[in-house]
């Protein structure tokens, strides 16, 4: 480990709908079933993921852990973010693009290399990592990508978003030198 660098302890939750008529989704559901039995994935009732269940789990995590911020994708999680905010949880948008991902993705990658990212051997997160590649754009900015994999990678972007939240919270806790010494003439 690198002295002075944060240690990331990930607590992962994964959900998937219990019912589907789509053959591809059914194949994935069957693949996830052993992880459901082991408690790593939760099937939610119906043909879509129960967002209310996600809200419950996040609210419970906020009571149990030192949860300072929840980063969310504004494209499809606005209502969930509003519900969490109404419950007293600080939320921040995390737009899914290389500009937003670059710094936390690099920190995430470095934390893995430095063995500062702990996930208790979560097999679902490990499987998602095997489906994910680091995509670099023309400016050299980094973000996660599925390649051509049809399998899920959601836990990797979510983990990078958690690192982004920790980085923001740490930055906000740092007192500006201008607060103590003032502006220079």
N, C-alpha and C. Protein backbone atom coordinates (compact mmCIF):
# COMPACT_ATOMS: atom_id res chain seq x y z
N UNK A 1 0.83 -1.19 0.00
CA UNK A 1 0.00 0.00 0.00
C UNK A 1 0.87 1.25 0.00
N UNK A 2 0.31 2.33 -0.48
CA UNK A 2 1.01 3.59 -0.58
C UNK A 2 0.58 4.48 0.58
N UNK A 3 1.56 4.95 1.34
CA UNK A 3 1.27 5.78 2.51
C UNK A 3 0.63 7.10 2.05
N UNK A 4 -0.44 7.49 2.76
CA UNK A 4 -1.11 8.74 2.45
C UNK A 4 -2.22 8.62 1.42
N UNK A 5 -2.30 7.48 0.74
CA UNK A 5 -3.35 7.27 -0.24
C UNK A 5 -4.52 6.57 0.43
N UNK A 6 -5.75 6.86 0.01
CA UNK A 6 -6.91 6.23 0.67
C UNK A 6 -7.02 4.73 0.37
N UNK A 7 -7.54 4.03 1.34
CA UNK A 7 -7.87 2.61 1.19
C UNK A 7 -9.36 2.55 0.90
N UNK A 8 -9.76 1.90 -0.18
CA UNK A 8 -11.17 1.81 -0.57
C UNK A 8 -11.70 0.44 -0.19
N UNK A 9 -12.72 0.42 0.67
CA UNK A 9 -13.40 -0.81 1.05
C UNK A 9 -14.79 -0.78 0.41
N UNK A 10 -14.98 -1.59 -0.60
CA UNK A 10 -16.25 -1.60 -1.33
C UNK A 10 -17.23 -2.58 -0.70
N UNK A 11 -18.41 -2.12 -0.50
CA UNK A 11 -19.54 -2.97 -0.09
C UNK A 11 -20.48 -2.97 -1.29
N UNK A 12 -20.66 -4.12 -1.89
CA UNK A 12 -21.40 -4.19 -3.16
C UNK A 12 -22.79 -4.79 -2.97
N UNK A 13 -23.74 -4.20 -3.67
CA UNK A 13 -25.09 -4.74 -3.77
C UNK A 13 -25.42 -4.81 -5.26
N UNK A 14 -26.02 -5.92 -5.67
CA UNK A 14 -26.43 -6.08 -7.06
C UNK A 14 -27.86 -6.59 -7.09
N UNK A 15 -28.65 -6.07 -8.03
CA UNK A 15 -30.05 -6.47 -8.18
C UNK A 15 -30.31 -6.86 -9.62
N UNK A 16 -31.30 -7.72 -9.79
CA UNK A 16 -31.73 -8.12 -11.13
C UNK A 16 -33.19 -8.55 -11.04
N UNK A 17 -33.99 -8.27 -12.08
CA UNK A 17 -35.40 -8.68 -12.01
C UNK A 17 -35.56 -10.20 -11.98
N UNK A 18 -36.54 -10.66 -11.22
CA UNK A 18 -36.75 -12.10 -11.09
C UNK A 18 -37.48 -12.71 -12.28
N UNK A 19 -38.16 -11.88 -13.05
CA UNK A 19 -38.94 -12.40 -14.18
C UNK A 19 -38.49 -11.74 -15.48
N UNK A 20 -38.52 -12.52 -16.56
CA UNK A 20 -38.20 -11.98 -17.87
C UNK A 20 -38.79 -12.89 -18.95
N UNK A 21 -39.12 -12.29 -20.07
CA UNK A 21 -39.56 -13.06 -21.23
C UNK A 21 -38.51 -13.03 -22.33
N UNK A 22 -37.47 -12.21 -22.12
CA UNK A 22 -36.40 -12.06 -23.09
C UNK A 22 -35.38 -13.19 -22.91
N UNK A 23 -35.08 -13.95 -23.97
CA UNK A 23 -34.15 -15.09 -23.83
C UNK A 23 -32.75 -14.67 -23.37
N UNK A 24 -32.25 -13.51 -23.81
CA UNK A 24 -30.92 -13.06 -23.40
C UNK A 24 -30.92 -12.71 -21.91
N UNK A 25 -31.96 -12.02 -21.46
CA UNK A 25 -32.08 -11.68 -20.04
C UNK A 25 -32.26 -12.93 -19.19
N UNK A 26 -32.96 -13.91 -19.72
CA UNK A 26 -33.16 -15.17 -18.98
C UNK A 26 -31.83 -15.91 -18.83
N UNK A 27 -31.02 -15.88 -19.87
CA UNK A 27 -29.70 -16.52 -19.80
C UNK A 27 -28.85 -15.86 -18.70
N UNK A 28 -28.89 -14.54 -18.64
CA UNK A 28 -28.16 -13.82 -17.60
C UNK A 28 -28.73 -14.13 -16.22
N UNK A 29 -30.04 -14.18 -16.12
CA UNK A 29 -30.70 -14.49 -14.84
C UNK A 29 -30.22 -15.85 -14.33
N UNK A 30 -30.14 -16.83 -15.23
CA UNK A 30 -29.66 -18.16 -14.83
C UNK A 30 -28.20 -18.12 -14.40
N UNK A 31 -27.39 -17.30 -15.09
CA UNK A 31 -25.98 -17.16 -14.73
C UNK A 31 -25.84 -16.56 -13.33
N UNK A 32 -26.74 -15.63 -12.97
CA UNK A 32 -26.68 -14.96 -11.68
C UNK A 32 -27.22 -15.81 -10.53
N UNK A 33 -27.99 -16.83 -10.85
CA UNK A 33 -28.69 -17.59 -9.82
C UNK A 33 -27.78 -18.12 -8.70
N UNK A 34 -26.61 -18.71 -9.00
CA UNK A 34 -25.75 -19.16 -7.89
C UNK A 34 -25.32 -18.01 -6.98
N UNK A 35 -25.14 -16.82 -7.56
CA UNK A 35 -24.76 -15.66 -6.75
C UNK A 35 -25.95 -15.15 -5.93
N UNK A 36 -27.15 -15.37 -6.42
CA UNK A 36 -28.35 -15.05 -5.63
C UNK A 36 -28.37 -15.96 -4.40
N UNK A 37 -28.15 -17.25 -4.63
CA UNK A 37 -28.16 -18.21 -3.52
C UNK A 37 -27.07 -17.91 -2.50
N UNK A 38 -25.94 -17.36 -2.96
CA UNK A 38 -24.83 -17.03 -2.06
C UNK A 38 -24.99 -15.66 -1.41
N UNK A 39 -26.04 -14.91 -1.81
CA UNK A 39 -26.29 -13.60 -1.21
C UNK A 39 -25.56 -12.43 -1.86
N UNK A 40 -24.99 -12.63 -3.05
CA UNK A 40 -24.27 -11.56 -3.74
C UNK A 40 -25.16 -10.76 -4.69
N UNK A 41 -26.28 -11.32 -5.10
CA UNK A 41 -27.24 -10.66 -5.99
C UNK A 41 -28.62 -10.86 -5.38
N UNK A 42 -29.45 -9.85 -5.51
CA UNK A 42 -30.84 -9.96 -5.04
C UNK A 42 -31.77 -9.84 -6.24
N UNK A 43 -32.62 -10.84 -6.43
CA UNK A 43 -33.66 -10.74 -7.44
C UNK A 43 -34.80 -9.91 -6.85
N UNK A 44 -35.27 -8.94 -7.63
CA UNK A 44 -36.42 -8.15 -7.20
C UNK A 44 -37.65 -8.62 -7.97
N UNK A 45 -38.82 -8.49 -7.36
CA UNK A 45 -40.06 -8.95 -7.98
C UNK A 45 -40.33 -8.21 -9.28
N UNK A 46 -40.85 -8.94 -10.25
CA UNK A 46 -41.28 -8.33 -11.50
C UNK A 46 -40.26 -8.40 -12.61
N UNK A 47 -40.54 -7.64 -13.67
CA UNK A 47 -39.71 -7.67 -14.88
C UNK A 47 -38.71 -6.51 -14.94
N UNK A 48 -38.70 -5.67 -13.91
CA UNK A 48 -37.69 -4.60 -13.85
C UNK A 48 -37.17 -4.52 -12.42
N UNK A 49 -36.02 -3.92 -12.27
CA UNK A 49 -35.42 -3.79 -10.94
C UNK A 49 -36.27 -2.84 -10.11
N UNK A 50 -36.55 -3.23 -8.89
CA UNK A 50 -37.35 -2.44 -7.98
C UNK A 50 -36.51 -1.31 -7.41
N UNK A 51 -36.73 -0.08 -7.92
CA UNK A 51 -35.95 1.06 -7.48
C UNK A 51 -36.22 1.40 -6.02
N UNK A 52 -37.41 1.11 -5.54
CA UNK A 52 -37.73 1.31 -4.13
C UNK A 52 -36.83 0.47 -3.24
N UNK A 53 -36.52 -0.74 -3.69
CA UNK A 53 -35.63 -1.62 -2.92
C UNK A 53 -34.22 -1.03 -2.87
N UNK A 54 -33.77 -0.48 -3.98
CA UNK A 54 -32.45 0.16 -4.01
C UNK A 54 -32.42 1.32 -3.02
N UNK A 55 -33.48 2.13 -3.01
CA UNK A 55 -33.56 3.25 -2.07
C UNK A 55 -33.48 2.76 -0.63
N UNK A 56 -34.20 1.68 -0.32
CA UNK A 56 -34.17 1.12 1.04
C UNK A 56 -32.76 0.73 1.45
N UNK A 57 -32.06 0.05 0.55
CA UNK A 57 -30.71 -0.43 0.85
C UNK A 57 -29.75 0.74 1.04
N UNK A 58 -29.86 1.75 0.18
CA UNK A 58 -28.97 2.92 0.31
C UNK A 58 -29.25 3.66 1.61
N UNK A 59 -30.51 3.81 1.96
CA UNK A 59 -30.85 4.48 3.23
C UNK A 59 -30.33 3.70 4.43
N UNK A 60 -30.42 2.38 4.38
CA UNK A 60 -29.88 1.55 5.45
C UNK A 60 -28.36 1.67 5.50
N UNK A 61 -27.71 1.71 4.33
CA UNK A 61 -26.25 1.88 4.29
C UNK A 61 -25.85 3.22 4.89
N UNK A 62 -26.64 4.24 4.64
CA UNK A 62 -26.35 5.57 5.21
C UNK A 62 -26.42 5.55 6.73
N UNK A 63 -27.32 4.73 7.28
CA UNK A 63 -27.43 4.61 8.74
C UNK A 63 -26.29 3.76 9.32
N UNK A 64 -25.80 2.82 8.54
CA UNK A 64 -24.81 1.86 9.03
C UNK A 64 -23.37 2.33 8.83
N UNK A 65 -23.11 2.97 7.70
CA UNK A 65 -21.75 3.35 7.33
C UNK A 65 -21.62 4.87 7.32
N UNK A 66 -20.40 5.34 7.19
CA UNK A 66 -20.12 6.78 7.08
C UNK A 66 -20.30 7.19 5.62
N UNK A 67 -21.54 7.19 5.17
CA UNK A 67 -21.86 7.48 3.78
C UNK A 67 -21.97 8.99 3.62
N UNK A 68 -21.06 9.59 2.89
CA UNK A 68 -21.03 11.05 2.76
C UNK A 68 -21.72 11.56 1.52
N UNK A 69 -21.70 10.76 0.46
CA UNK A 69 -22.31 11.19 -0.80
C UNK A 69 -22.64 9.96 -1.63
N UNK A 70 -23.70 10.05 -2.40
CA UNK A 70 -24.05 9.02 -3.39
C UNK A 70 -24.00 9.69 -4.75
N UNK A 71 -23.12 9.21 -5.61
CA UNK A 71 -23.06 9.71 -6.98
C UNK A 71 -24.03 8.91 -7.82
N UNK A 72 -24.72 9.59 -8.73
CA UNK A 72 -25.71 8.91 -9.56
C UNK A 72 -25.65 9.41 -10.99
N UNK A 73 -26.10 8.56 -11.89
CA UNK A 73 -26.17 8.87 -13.31
C UNK A 73 -27.48 9.62 -13.56
N UNK A 74 -27.43 10.89 -13.95
CA UNK A 74 -28.67 11.65 -14.13
C UNK A 74 -29.54 11.14 -15.28
N UNK A 75 -28.99 10.33 -16.16
CA UNK A 75 -29.75 9.84 -17.30
C UNK A 75 -30.92 8.97 -16.88
N UNK A 76 -30.72 8.13 -15.87
CA UNK A 76 -31.76 7.17 -15.55
C UNK A 76 -32.02 6.99 -14.06
N UNK A 77 -31.43 7.86 -13.24
CA UNK A 77 -31.60 7.68 -11.80
C UNK A 77 -32.06 8.95 -11.09
N UNK A 78 -32.62 9.86 -11.83
CA UNK A 78 -33.05 11.13 -11.24
C UNK A 78 -34.09 10.96 -10.15
N UNK A 79 -35.10 10.12 -10.37
CA UNK A 79 -36.16 9.92 -9.37
C UNK A 79 -35.60 9.26 -8.11
N UNK A 80 -34.72 8.29 -8.30
CA UNK A 80 -34.10 7.63 -7.15
C UNK A 80 -33.25 8.64 -6.37
N UNK A 81 -32.50 9.47 -7.07
CA UNK A 81 -31.68 10.49 -6.41
C UNK A 81 -32.56 11.47 -5.62
N UNK A 82 -33.69 11.86 -6.18
CA UNK A 82 -34.60 12.76 -5.47
C UNK A 82 -35.14 12.11 -4.20
N UNK A 83 -35.48 10.84 -4.28
CA UNK A 83 -35.99 10.12 -3.11
C UNK A 83 -34.91 10.02 -2.03
N UNK A 84 -33.68 9.75 -2.44
CA UNK A 84 -32.59 9.66 -1.47
C UNK A 84 -32.33 11.02 -0.82
N UNK A 85 -32.34 12.05 -1.64
CA UNK A 85 -32.12 13.40 -1.12
C UNK A 85 -33.22 13.80 -0.14
N UNK A 86 -34.45 13.42 -0.47
CA UNK A 86 -35.58 13.70 0.44
C UNK A 86 -35.40 12.94 1.76
N UNK A 87 -34.67 11.83 1.72
CA UNK A 87 -34.38 11.06 2.92
C UNK A 87 -33.15 11.54 3.66
N UNK A 88 -32.59 12.68 3.24
CA UNK A 88 -31.45 13.27 3.94
C UNK A 88 -30.09 12.81 3.47
N UNK A 89 -30.03 12.13 2.34
CA UNK A 89 -28.75 11.65 1.81
C UNK A 89 -28.24 12.62 0.76
N UNK A 90 -26.97 13.01 0.90
CA UNK A 90 -26.36 13.92 -0.07
C UNK A 90 -26.09 13.17 -1.37
N UNK A 91 -26.63 13.67 -2.48
CA UNK A 91 -26.43 13.05 -3.79
C UNK A 91 -25.75 14.04 -4.73
N UNK A 92 -24.98 13.52 -5.67
CA UNK A 92 -24.33 14.34 -6.68
C UNK A 92 -24.39 13.65 -8.03
N UNK A 93 -24.64 14.44 -9.06
CA UNK A 93 -24.68 13.90 -10.43
C UNK A 93 -23.29 13.44 -10.86
N UNK A 94 -23.27 12.37 -11.62
CA UNK A 94 -22.05 11.86 -12.21
C UNK A 94 -22.39 11.49 -13.65
N UNK A 95 -22.14 12.41 -14.56
CA UNK A 95 -22.46 12.19 -15.97
C UNK A 95 -21.51 11.15 -16.55
N UNK A 96 -22.07 10.25 -17.33
CA UNK A 96 -21.30 9.13 -17.87
C UNK A 96 -20.54 9.55 -19.14
N UNK A 97 -19.42 10.25 -18.94
CA UNK A 97 -18.56 10.60 -20.07
C UNK A 97 -17.10 10.58 -19.62
N UNK A 98 -16.20 10.62 -20.57
CA UNK A 98 -14.78 10.48 -20.25
C UNK A 98 -14.25 11.65 -19.43
N UNK A 99 -14.80 12.84 -19.60
CA UNK A 99 -14.34 13.98 -18.79
C UNK A 99 -14.62 13.74 -17.31
N UNK A 100 -15.79 13.22 -17.00
CA UNK A 100 -16.18 12.97 -15.61
C UNK A 100 -15.46 11.75 -15.04
N UNK A 101 -15.28 10.73 -15.85
CA UNK A 101 -14.67 9.49 -15.38
C UNK A 101 -13.16 9.56 -15.22
N UNK A 102 -12.48 10.37 -15.99
CA UNK A 102 -11.04 10.28 -16.11
C UNK A 102 -10.29 10.23 -14.77
N UNK A 103 -10.44 11.25 -13.95
CA UNK A 103 -9.67 11.29 -12.70
C UNK A 103 -10.03 10.16 -11.73
N UNK A 104 -11.33 9.92 -11.46
CA UNK A 104 -11.62 8.81 -10.54
C UNK A 104 -11.28 7.44 -11.14
N UNK A 105 -11.38 7.28 -12.46
CA UNK A 105 -11.01 5.99 -13.08
C UNK A 105 -9.52 5.74 -12.92
N UNK A 106 -8.73 6.78 -13.07
CA UNK A 106 -7.28 6.62 -12.87
C UNK A 106 -6.96 6.31 -11.41
N UNK A 107 -7.67 6.97 -10.49
CA UNK A 107 -7.47 6.69 -9.06
C UNK A 107 -7.89 5.25 -8.74
N UNK A 108 -8.98 4.79 -9.34
CA UNK A 108 -9.48 3.43 -9.16
C UNK A 108 -8.44 2.43 -9.66
N UNK A 109 -7.94 2.67 -10.86
CA UNK A 109 -6.94 1.79 -11.46
C UNK A 109 -5.67 1.75 -10.61
N UNK A 110 -5.24 2.91 -10.12
CA UNK A 110 -4.04 2.97 -9.27
C UNK A 110 -4.28 2.24 -7.94
N UNK A 111 -5.48 2.41 -7.38
CA UNK A 111 -5.80 1.74 -6.12
C UNK A 111 -5.76 0.21 -6.29
N UNK A 112 -6.20 -0.28 -7.44
CA UNK A 112 -6.13 -1.72 -7.71
C UNK A 112 -4.66 -2.16 -7.74
N UNK A 113 -3.85 -1.42 -8.50
CA UNK A 113 -2.43 -1.75 -8.61
C UNK A 113 -1.70 -1.69 -7.29
N UNK A 114 -2.10 -0.75 -6.42
CA UNK A 114 -1.47 -0.59 -5.11
C UNK A 114 -2.09 -1.49 -4.03
N UNK A 115 -3.07 -2.30 -4.44
CA UNK A 115 -3.79 -3.18 -3.50
C UNK A 115 -4.49 -2.39 -2.39
N UNK A 116 -5.07 -1.24 -2.78
CA UNK A 116 -5.82 -0.40 -1.86
C UNK A 116 -7.32 -0.44 -2.13
N UNK A 117 -7.74 -1.37 -2.98
CA UNK A 117 -9.15 -1.52 -3.29
C UNK A 117 -9.58 -2.90 -2.80
N UNK A 118 -10.39 -2.92 -1.76
CA UNK A 118 -10.81 -4.18 -1.15
C UNK A 118 -12.30 -4.39 -1.41
N UNK A 119 -12.65 -5.62 -1.81
CA UNK A 119 -14.06 -5.92 -2.08
C UNK A 119 -14.47 -7.28 -1.53
N UNK A 120 -13.70 -7.79 -0.61
CA UNK A 120 -13.97 -9.07 0.04
C UNK A 120 -14.13 -10.21 -0.96
N UNK A 121 -13.43 -10.13 -2.08
CA UNK A 121 -13.48 -11.19 -3.07
C UNK A 121 -14.84 -11.35 -3.74
N UNK A 122 -15.61 -10.27 -3.81
CA UNK A 122 -16.96 -10.36 -4.37
C UNK A 122 -16.91 -10.95 -5.79
N UNK A 123 -17.50 -12.13 -6.00
CA UNK A 123 -17.41 -12.79 -7.30
C UNK A 123 -18.16 -12.06 -8.40
N UNK A 124 -19.21 -11.34 -8.07
CA UNK A 124 -19.97 -10.61 -9.09
C UNK A 124 -19.14 -9.43 -9.59
N UNK A 125 -18.52 -8.70 -8.67
CA UNK A 125 -17.67 -7.58 -9.06
C UNK A 125 -16.48 -8.08 -9.87
N UNK A 126 -15.92 -9.20 -9.47
CA UNK A 126 -14.79 -9.78 -10.20
C UNK A 126 -15.22 -10.16 -11.63
N UNK A 127 -16.42 -10.77 -11.76
CA UNK A 127 -16.94 -11.15 -13.07
C UNK A 127 -17.17 -9.91 -13.93
N UNK A 128 -17.74 -8.86 -13.33
CA UNK A 128 -17.98 -7.62 -14.08
C UNK A 128 -16.67 -7.00 -14.54
N UNK A 129 -15.64 -7.07 -13.69
CA UNK A 129 -14.32 -6.55 -14.07
C UNK A 129 -13.77 -7.30 -15.28
N UNK A 130 -14.05 -8.60 -15.36
CA UNK A 130 -13.56 -9.39 -16.50
C UNK A 130 -14.28 -9.02 -17.80
N UNK A 131 -15.43 -8.38 -17.70
CA UNK A 131 -16.19 -7.95 -18.89
C UNK A 131 -15.85 -6.52 -19.30
N UNK A 132 -15.02 -5.85 -18.53
CA UNK A 132 -14.78 -4.42 -18.67
C UNK A 132 -13.36 -4.14 -19.18
N UNK A 133 -13.25 -3.12 -20.00
CA UNK A 133 -11.93 -2.63 -20.42
C UNK A 133 -11.87 -1.14 -20.13
N UNK A 134 -10.66 -0.62 -20.06
CA UNK A 134 -10.46 0.82 -19.92
C UNK A 134 -10.39 1.41 -21.32
N UNK A 135 -11.33 2.28 -21.63
CA UNK A 135 -11.39 2.91 -22.95
C UNK A 135 -10.78 4.31 -22.83
N UNK A 136 -9.90 4.65 -23.75
CA UNK A 136 -9.26 5.96 -23.76
C UNK A 136 -9.71 6.71 -25.00
N UNK A 137 -10.10 7.97 -24.81
CA UNK A 137 -10.50 8.77 -25.97
C UNK A 137 -9.28 9.47 -26.58
N UNK A 138 -9.51 10.29 -27.58
CA UNK A 138 -8.42 10.97 -28.28
C UNK A 138 -7.60 11.90 -27.40
N UNK A 139 -8.20 12.41 -26.33
CA UNK A 139 -7.49 13.29 -25.40
C UNK A 139 -6.77 12.51 -24.31
N UNK A 140 -6.88 11.18 -24.34
CA UNK A 140 -6.23 10.35 -23.34
C UNK A 140 -7.05 10.17 -22.08
N UNK A 141 -8.33 10.57 -22.11
CA UNK A 141 -9.21 10.42 -20.95
C UNK A 141 -9.72 9.00 -20.87
N UNK A 142 -9.84 8.51 -19.65
CA UNK A 142 -10.14 7.11 -19.39
C UNK A 142 -11.56 6.93 -18.87
N UNK A 143 -12.20 5.86 -19.30
CA UNK A 143 -13.50 5.49 -18.75
C UNK A 143 -13.74 4.00 -18.99
N UNK A 144 -14.62 3.37 -18.18
CA UNK A 144 -14.89 1.94 -18.37
C UNK A 144 -15.75 1.71 -19.61
N UNK A 145 -15.55 0.54 -20.23
CA UNK A 145 -16.30 0.19 -21.43
C UNK A 145 -16.54 -1.32 -21.44
N UNK A 146 -17.63 -1.72 -22.07
CA UNK A 146 -17.97 -3.15 -22.13
C UNK A 146 -17.25 -3.90 -23.23
N UNK A 147 -16.46 -3.26 -24.03
CA UNK A 147 -15.92 -3.86 -25.24
C UNK A 147 -17.10 -4.24 -26.10
N UNK A 148 -17.07 -5.51 -26.48
CA UNK A 148 -18.21 -6.07 -27.22
C UNK A 148 -18.92 -7.11 -26.36
N UNK A 149 -18.62 -7.11 -25.08
CA UNK A 149 -19.23 -8.07 -24.17
C UNK A 149 -20.72 -7.77 -24.01
N UNK A 150 -21.52 -8.81 -23.95
CA UNK A 150 -22.95 -8.63 -23.68
C UNK A 150 -23.22 -8.70 -22.18
N UNK A 151 -22.20 -9.09 -21.42
CA UNK A 151 -22.37 -9.24 -19.98
C UNK A 151 -22.23 -7.90 -19.27
N UNK A 152 -22.62 -7.89 -18.03
CA UNK A 152 -22.70 -6.68 -17.23
C UNK A 152 -21.33 -6.19 -16.75
N UNK A 153 -21.22 -4.86 -16.63
CA UNK A 153 -20.05 -4.24 -16.02
C UNK A 153 -20.48 -3.23 -14.95
N UNK A 154 -21.75 -3.13 -14.66
CA UNK A 154 -22.31 -2.06 -13.83
C UNK A 154 -21.57 -1.82 -12.52
N UNK A 155 -21.06 -2.86 -11.90
CA UNK A 155 -20.36 -2.71 -10.63
C UNK A 155 -19.06 -1.93 -10.75
N UNK A 156 -18.44 -1.97 -11.92
CA UNK A 156 -17.18 -1.24 -12.11
C UNK A 156 -17.45 0.26 -12.22
N UNK A 157 -18.34 0.72 -13.11
CA UNK A 157 -18.66 2.15 -13.10
C UNK A 157 -19.18 2.63 -11.75
N UNK A 158 -20.00 1.82 -11.08
CA UNK A 158 -20.51 2.21 -9.76
C UNK A 158 -19.36 2.35 -8.76
N UNK A 159 -18.38 1.46 -8.82
CA UNK A 159 -17.22 1.55 -7.92
C UNK A 159 -16.39 2.79 -8.22
N UNK A 160 -16.23 3.10 -9.50
CA UNK A 160 -15.49 4.31 -9.88
C UNK A 160 -16.26 5.56 -9.41
N UNK A 161 -17.58 5.52 -9.51
CA UNK A 161 -18.40 6.63 -9.02
C UNK A 161 -18.24 6.78 -7.51
N UNK A 162 -18.12 5.67 -6.79
CA UNK A 162 -17.89 5.72 -5.34
C UNK A 162 -16.54 6.36 -5.04
N UNK A 163 -15.52 6.02 -5.82
CA UNK A 163 -14.20 6.64 -5.66
C UNK A 163 -14.32 8.14 -5.94
N UNK A 164 -15.08 8.51 -6.96
CA UNK A 164 -15.27 9.93 -7.27
C UNK A 164 -15.92 10.65 -6.09
N UNK A 165 -16.92 10.03 -5.49
CA UNK A 165 -17.58 10.62 -4.34
C UNK A 165 -16.63 10.80 -3.18
N UNK A 166 -15.78 9.79 -2.94
CA UNK A 166 -14.79 9.90 -1.86
C UNK A 166 -13.80 11.01 -2.16
N UNK A 167 -13.37 11.12 -3.41
CA UNK A 167 -12.42 12.17 -3.79
C UNK A 167 -13.04 13.56 -3.58
N UNK A 168 -14.29 13.72 -3.96
CA UNK A 168 -14.97 15.00 -3.77
C UNK A 168 -15.11 15.33 -2.29
N UNK A 169 -15.52 14.34 -1.50
CA UNK A 169 -15.71 14.56 -0.06
C UNK A 169 -14.37 14.91 0.60
N UNK A 170 -13.31 14.24 0.20
CA UNK A 170 -11.98 14.51 0.77
C UNK A 170 -11.53 15.92 0.39
N UNK A 171 -11.77 16.30 -0.85
CA UNK A 171 -11.40 17.64 -1.31
C UNK A 171 -12.17 18.71 -0.55
N UNK A 172 -13.46 18.47 -0.33
CA UNK A 172 -14.29 19.44 0.38
C UNK A 172 -13.89 19.59 1.84
N UNK A 173 -13.28 18.56 2.42
CA UNK A 173 -12.83 18.62 3.81
C UNK A 173 -11.52 19.37 3.96
N UNK A 174 -10.79 19.51 2.86
CA UNK A 174 -9.49 20.18 2.90
C UNK A 174 -9.71 21.68 2.96
N UNK A 175 -9.13 22.30 3.97
CA UNK A 175 -9.28 23.74 4.13
C UNK A 175 -8.36 24.45 3.15
N UNK A 176 -8.89 25.44 2.51
CA UNK A 176 -8.11 26.23 1.57
C UNK A 176 -7.04 27.02 2.31
N UNK A 177 -5.87 27.14 1.71
CA UNK A 177 -4.81 27.94 2.33
C UNK A 177 -5.23 29.40 2.43
N UNK A 178 -6.13 29.82 1.56
CA UNK A 178 -6.60 31.20 1.58
C UNK A 178 -7.50 31.48 2.79
N UNK A 179 -8.10 30.44 3.35
CA UNK A 179 -8.96 30.61 4.53
C UNK A 179 -8.13 30.96 5.77
N UNK A 180 -6.86 30.51 5.78
CA UNK A 180 -6.03 30.75 6.96
C UNK A 180 -5.04 31.90 6.77
N UNK A 181 -4.56 32.10 5.54
CA UNK A 181 -3.55 33.15 5.36
C UNK A 181 -4.05 34.32 4.53
N UNK A 182 -5.18 34.17 3.83
CA UNK A 182 -5.68 35.24 2.98
C UNK A 182 -5.00 35.27 1.64
N UNK A 183 -5.46 36.15 0.78
CA UNK A 183 -4.88 36.29 -0.56
C UNK A 183 -3.56 37.04 -0.48
N UNK A 184 -2.65 36.66 -1.36
CA UNK A 184 -1.36 37.38 -1.42
C UNK A 184 -1.55 38.65 -2.22
N UNK A 185 -0.80 39.69 -1.86
CA UNK A 185 -0.86 40.98 -2.60
C UNK A 185 -0.07 40.88 -3.87
